[in-house]
Protein backbone atom coordinates (compact mmCIF):
# COMPACT_ATOMS: atom_id res chain seq x y z
CA MET A 1 5.57 21.14 6.96
CA LEU A 2 3.71 20.09 9.82
CA THR A 3 6.22 20.59 13.46
CA ASN A 4 5.83 17.90 15.96
CA PRO A 5 5.87 20.15 19.71
CA THR A 6 7.75 16.35 21.02
CA ILE A 7 11.18 17.25 18.45
CA ASP A 8 10.47 21.11 18.88
CA MET A 9 11.02 20.49 22.88
CA LEU A 10 13.50 18.28 22.76
CA ARG A 11 15.57 20.38 20.44
CA GLU A 12 14.71 23.69 22.35
CA LEU A 13 16.33 21.95 25.10
CA GLY A 14 19.61 21.04 23.18
CA LEU A 15 18.33 17.42 22.66
CA THR A 16 19.27 17.36 18.93
CA GLY A 17 20.58 14.04 18.85
CA MET A 18 17.75 12.52 20.61
CA ALA A 19 15.33 14.29 18.72
CA SER A 20 17.07 12.65 15.73
CA ALA A 21 16.51 9.50 17.67
CA TYR A 22 12.80 10.27 17.99
CA GLN A 23 11.86 11.22 14.36
CA GLU A 24 13.82 8.20 13.43
CA LEU A 25 11.82 6.12 15.33
CA GLU A 26 8.81 7.49 13.83
CA ARG A 27 9.41 6.85 10.63
CA LYS A 28 10.03 2.69 11.75
CA LEU A 29 6.71 2.88 13.60
CA ALA A 30 5.01 4.24 9.99
CA ARG A 31 7.25 1.46 8.66
CA LEU A 32 5.78 -0.99 10.69
CA LEU A 33 1.90 -0.05 10.51
CA GLU A 34 1.84 0.37 7.05
CA ARG A 35 3.44 -3.26 6.48
CA GLU A 36 0.48 -4.31 9.50
CA THR A 37 -2.68 -2.72 7.39
CA THR A 38 -1.03 -4.75 3.69
CA LEU A 39 -0.67 -7.34 5.80
CA ARG A 40 -4.12 -7.68 7.27
CA ARG A 41 -5.71 -6.55 3.69
CA GLN A 42 -3.45 -9.25 2.19
CA LYS A 43 -5.33 -11.59 4.20
CA ARG A 44 -8.83 -10.32 4.33
CA PHE A 45 -8.54 -10.32 0.56
CA GLU A 46 -7.46 -14.21 0.47
CA ALA A 47 -10.21 -14.91 3.08
CA ARG A 48 -12.88 -13.20 0.02
CA ALA A 49 -11.28 -14.98 -2.28
CA ARG A 50 -10.74 -19.10 -0.68
CA ALA A 51 -15.19 -17.82 0.46
CA ALA A 52 -15.79 -16.94 -3.54
CA LYS A 53 -15.11 -20.80 -5.19
CA LEU A 54 -14.10 -19.53 -7.68
CA ARG A 55 -13.71 -22.44 -10.89
CA HIS A 56 -10.95 -21.09 -12.56
CA ASP A 57 -7.49 -20.11 -10.29
CA SER A 58 -6.47 -17.41 -13.61
CA GLN A 59 -4.23 -13.82 -12.91
CA ILE A 60 -5.38 -11.05 -15.21
CA GLU A 61 -1.99 -11.81 -16.78
CA GLU A 62 -3.12 -14.62 -18.38
CA TYR A 63 -6.39 -12.27 -20.96
CA ARG A 64 -5.61 -10.76 -24.12
CA LEU A 65 -7.42 -7.67 -23.51
CA SER A 66 -6.85 -6.49 -27.67
CA VAL A 67 -9.13 -5.61 -29.37
CA PRO A 68 -9.36 -8.25 -31.92
CA PRO A 69 -8.68 -6.53 -35.95
CA ALA A 70 -12.10 -6.89 -36.75
CA ALA A 71 -13.80 -6.03 -33.89
CA SER A 72 -12.78 -3.06 -34.22
CA ILE A 73 -14.03 -2.53 -37.57
CA ALA A 74 -17.89 -3.59 -37.01
CA ILE A 75 -17.41 -1.02 -33.86
CA SER A 76 -16.22 2.16 -35.90
CA SER A 77 -19.01 1.55 -38.41
């Protein structure tokens, strides 16, 4: 596991409460950064989708992706 020198120093000084608060702050900051990254990616995707000017507003869930039985027989022959 990676160690953080700041947390190690805080523990050396006997500031265990401050060390745990620092770790909690790091976790919260990581979640904030993940959220911001996700939001920016989503905005970029939406902008590109609008710029593409697709004729149909459809989603992948709307398509049947199974192969009909007759087609599977023709493929295997």
